[in-house]
Amino acid sequence: MRLQSRYVQPIIMAAIMAFMMTGFVTWLNLGITPDFMLQWAKAVVMAWPLASVAAFVAGPLAPKLTQRIVKAVHGAES
């Protein structure tokens, strides 16, 4: 089976988003504590699979919703 970018890209994007968001939210909730890195790592491991599913679901929907919004805004400007 050949690996396709349409499958890899959402997983990579989800990893980046999960890494950044869990780091920020962990910091907001706990502050910088002695076990911050461990708590952050646990959050990333839990969040990444869910973020990957969300990326696969949102991937096809986002361009369609974007087009609707842009059309609605441009239609309102006329």
N, C-alpha and C. Protein backbone atom coordinates (compact mmCIF):
# COMPACT_ATOMS: atom_id res chain seq x y z
N MET A 1 0.84 -1.18 0.00
CA MET A 1 0.00 0.00 0.00
C MET A 1 0.89 1.24 0.00
N ARG A 2 0.54 2.16 -0.84
CA ARG A 2 1.31 3.40 -0.97
C ARG A 2 0.76 4.46 -0.01
N LEU A 3 1.65 5.09 0.72
CA LEU A 3 1.26 6.13 1.67
C LEU A 3 0.91 7.40 0.91
N GLN A 4 -0.24 7.97 1.22
CA GLN A 4 -0.70 9.16 0.51
C GLN A 4 -0.71 10.36 1.45
N SER A 5 -0.37 11.52 0.87
CA SER A 5 -0.28 12.73 1.69
C SER A 5 -1.62 13.12 2.29
N ARG A 6 -2.72 12.77 1.64
CA ARG A 6 -4.02 13.14 2.20
C ARG A 6 -4.31 12.42 3.52
N TYR A 7 -3.58 11.34 3.80
CA TYR A 7 -3.72 10.64 5.08
C TYR A 7 -2.68 11.12 6.09
N VAL A 8 -1.51 11.46 5.62
CA VAL A 8 -0.43 11.86 6.52
C VAL A 8 -0.62 13.30 7.01
N GLN A 9 -1.01 14.20 6.12
CA GLN A 9 -1.13 15.61 6.44
C GLN A 9 -2.05 15.89 7.62
N PRO A 10 -3.27 15.31 7.68
CA PRO A 10 -4.12 15.58 8.86
C PRO A 10 -3.51 15.07 10.17
N ILE A 11 -2.78 13.98 10.10
CA ILE A 11 -2.17 13.43 11.32
C ILE A 11 -1.05 14.35 11.80
N ILE A 12 -0.24 14.84 10.87
CA ILE A 12 0.83 15.77 11.24
C ILE A 12 0.24 17.08 11.78
N MET A 13 -0.77 17.60 11.09
CA MET A 13 -1.40 18.84 11.55
C MET A 13 -2.01 18.64 12.94
N ALA A 14 -2.65 17.52 13.15
CA ALA A 14 -3.25 17.23 14.46
C ALA A 14 -2.17 17.14 15.54
N ALA A 15 -1.03 16.55 15.21
CA ALA A 15 0.05 16.45 16.19
C ALA A 15 0.54 17.83 16.60
N ILE A 16 0.73 18.70 15.62
CA ILE A 16 1.21 20.06 15.91
C ILE A 16 0.17 20.81 16.75
N MET A 17 -1.08 20.72 16.36
CA MET A 17 -2.15 21.42 17.09
C MET A 17 -2.29 20.86 18.51
N ALA A 18 -2.29 19.54 18.65
CA ALA A 18 -2.42 18.93 19.97
C ALA A 18 -1.24 19.31 20.86
N PHE A 19 -0.04 19.31 20.30
CA PHE A 19 1.17 19.67 21.05
C PHE A 19 1.06 21.10 21.58
N MET A 20 0.69 22.02 20.69
CA MET A 20 0.62 23.43 21.08
C MET A 20 -0.52 23.70 22.06
N MET A 21 -1.69 23.18 21.76
CA MET A 21 -2.87 23.47 22.59
C MET A 21 -2.76 22.83 23.97
N THR A 22 -2.31 21.58 24.02
CA THR A 22 -2.20 20.93 25.33
C THR A 22 -1.12 21.59 26.17
N GLY A 23 -0.06 22.05 25.54
CA GLY A 23 0.99 22.77 26.28
C GLY A 23 0.44 24.04 26.90
N PHE A 24 -0.32 24.79 26.11
CA PHE A 24 -0.90 26.04 26.59
C PHE A 24 -1.93 25.80 27.68
N VAL A 25 -2.83 24.85 27.46
CA VAL A 25 -3.89 24.59 28.44
C VAL A 25 -3.30 23.97 29.72
N THR A 26 -2.31 23.12 29.58
CA THR A 26 -1.66 22.55 30.76
C THR A 26 -1.00 23.66 31.57
N TRP A 27 -0.34 24.57 30.88
CA TRP A 27 0.28 25.71 31.57
C TRP A 27 -0.77 26.58 32.27
N LEU A 28 -1.89 26.85 31.57
CA LEU A 28 -2.95 27.64 32.19
C LEU A 28 -3.51 26.97 33.44
N ASN A 29 -3.72 25.68 33.36
CA ASN A 29 -4.33 24.95 34.48
C ASN A 29 -3.38 24.67 35.63
N LEU A 30 -2.14 24.36 35.33
CA LEU A 30 -1.21 23.94 36.38
C LEU A 30 -0.11 24.93 36.68
N GLY A 31 0.21 25.79 35.71
CA GLY A 31 1.41 26.60 35.84
C GLY A 31 2.62 25.73 35.58
N ILE A 32 3.78 26.30 35.75
CA ILE A 32 5.01 25.52 35.56
C ILE A 32 5.33 24.83 36.88
N THR A 33 4.99 23.57 36.94
CA THR A 33 5.20 22.76 38.14
C THR A 33 6.32 21.75 37.88
N PRO A 34 6.80 21.10 38.93
CA PRO A 34 7.86 20.10 38.71
C PRO A 34 7.44 18.98 37.75
N ASP A 35 6.16 18.64 37.73
CA ASP A 35 5.72 17.56 36.84
C ASP A 35 5.01 18.08 35.58
N PHE A 36 5.27 19.34 35.23
CA PHE A 36 4.63 19.95 34.07
C PHE A 36 4.84 19.12 32.80
N MET A 37 6.06 18.74 32.52
CA MET A 37 6.36 18.00 31.29
C MET A 37 5.63 16.67 31.25
N LEU A 38 5.55 15.98 32.38
CA LEU A 38 4.83 14.71 32.43
C LEU A 38 3.34 14.92 32.18
N GLN A 39 2.77 15.93 32.82
CA GLN A 39 1.35 16.20 32.62
C GLN A 39 1.06 16.62 31.18
N TRP A 40 1.95 17.41 30.60
CA TRP A 40 1.80 17.84 29.22
C TRP A 40 1.88 16.63 28.28
N ALA A 41 2.84 15.76 28.53
CA ALA A 41 2.99 14.56 27.70
C ALA A 41 1.74 13.69 27.76
N LYS A 42 1.19 13.53 28.95
CA LYS A 42 -0.05 12.75 29.08
C LYS A 42 -1.19 13.38 28.29
N ALA A 43 -1.28 14.70 28.35
CA ALA A 43 -2.33 15.42 27.62
C ALA A 43 -2.16 15.26 26.11
N VAL A 44 -0.94 15.33 25.63
CA VAL A 44 -0.69 15.18 24.19
C VAL A 44 -1.08 13.78 23.74
N VAL A 45 -0.69 12.77 24.50
CA VAL A 45 -1.01 11.38 24.14
C VAL A 45 -2.52 11.16 24.09
N MET A 46 -3.25 11.81 24.98
CA MET A 46 -4.71 11.68 24.97
C MET A 46 -5.36 12.50 23.87
N ALA A 47 -4.80 13.67 23.59
CA ALA A 47 -5.43 14.60 22.65
C ALA A 47 -5.12 14.28 21.19
N TRP A 48 -3.94 13.74 20.89
CA TRP A 48 -3.54 13.55 19.50
C TRP A 48 -4.49 12.65 18.72
N PRO A 49 -4.89 11.50 19.24
CA PRO A 49 -5.83 10.67 18.46
C PRO A 49 -7.16 11.38 18.18
N LEU A 50 -7.69 12.07 19.16
CA LEU A 50 -8.94 12.80 18.96
C LEU A 50 -8.75 13.94 17.96
N ALA A 51 -7.64 14.63 18.06
CA ALA A 51 -7.34 15.71 17.11
C ALA A 51 -7.18 15.16 15.70
N SER A 52 -6.62 13.97 15.56
CA SER A 52 -6.47 13.35 14.25
C SER A 52 -7.83 13.04 13.63
N VAL A 53 -8.72 12.48 14.42
CA VAL A 53 -10.08 12.21 13.92
C VAL A 53 -10.76 13.53 13.53
N ALA A 54 -10.61 14.53 14.36
CA ALA A 54 -11.21 15.83 14.06
C ALA A 54 -10.64 16.41 12.77
N ALA A 55 -9.34 16.25 12.54
CA ALA A 55 -8.72 16.76 11.32
C ALA A 55 -9.26 16.05 10.08
N PHE A 56 -9.47 14.74 10.18
CA PHE A 56 -10.03 14.00 9.04
C PHE A 56 -11.47 14.42 8.77
N VAL A 57 -12.23 14.71 9.83
CA VAL A 57 -13.62 15.14 9.66
C VAL A 57 -13.67 16.58 9.16
N ALA A 58 -12.88 17.44 9.76
CA ALA A 58 -12.91 18.87 9.42
C ALA A 58 -12.26 19.16 8.07
N GLY A 59 -11.33 18.32 7.65
CA GLY A 59 -10.61 18.56 6.40
C GLY A 59 -11.51 18.83 5.21
N PRO A 60 -12.48 17.96 4.93
CA PRO A 60 -13.38 18.22 3.80
C PRO A 60 -14.42 19.31 4.08
N LEU A 61 -14.77 19.49 5.34
CA LEU A 61 -15.81 20.47 5.68
C LEU A 61 -15.29 21.91 5.67
N ALA A 62 -14.07 22.12 6.10
CA ALA A 62 -13.53 23.47 6.24
C ALA A 62 -13.55 24.27 4.93
N PRO A 63 -13.11 23.72 3.80
CA PRO A 63 -13.17 24.52 2.57
C PRO A 63 -14.60 24.87 2.16
N LYS A 64 -15.53 23.95 2.36
CA LYS A 64 -16.93 24.21 2.01
C LYS A 64 -17.51 25.33 2.88
N LEU A 65 -17.26 25.25 4.18
CA LEU A 65 -17.74 26.29 5.08
C LEU A 65 -17.07 27.63 4.79
N THR A 66 -15.81 27.59 4.46
CA THR A 66 -15.09 28.81 4.11
C THR A 66 -15.72 29.48 2.89
N GLN A 67 -16.01 28.69 1.88
CA GLN A 67 -16.63 29.24 0.67
C GLN A 67 -17.99 29.86 0.98
N ARG A 68 -18.78 29.21 1.80
CA ARG A 68 -20.09 29.76 2.18
C ARG A 68 -19.95 31.09 2.90
N ILE A 69 -19.01 31.15 3.82
CA ILE A 69 -18.80 32.39 4.57
C ILE A 69 -18.33 33.51 3.65
N VAL A 70 -17.37 33.21 2.79
CA VAL A 70 -16.84 34.22 1.87
C VAL A 70 -17.94 34.71 0.93
N LYS A 71 -18.73 33.78 0.41
CA LYS A 71 -19.84 34.19 -0.47
C LYS A 71 -20.85 35.05 0.29
N ALA A 72 -21.16 34.68 1.53
CA ALA A 72 -22.13 35.45 2.32
C ALA A 72 -21.60 36.86 2.61
N VAL A 73 -20.32 36.96 2.92
CA VAL A 73 -19.73 38.28 3.22
C VAL A 73 -19.67 39.13 1.95
N HIS A 74 -19.23 38.53 0.87
CA HIS A 74 -19.15 39.29 -0.39
C HIS A 74 -20.54 39.64 -0.91
N GLY A 75 -21.51 38.77 -0.69
CA GLY A 75 -22.88 39.07 -1.09
C GLY A 75 -23.47 40.22 -0.30
N ALA A 76 -23.07 40.31 0.98
CA ALA A 76 -23.57 41.39 1.85
C ALA A 76 -22.93 42.72 1.50
N GLU A 77 -21.75 42.70 0.89
CA GLU A 77 -21.04 43.93 0.54
C GLU A 77 -21.65 44.59 -0.69
N SER A 78 -22.31 43.82 -1.53
CA SER A 78 -22.83 44.37 -2.80
C SER A 78 -23.98 45.31 -2.58
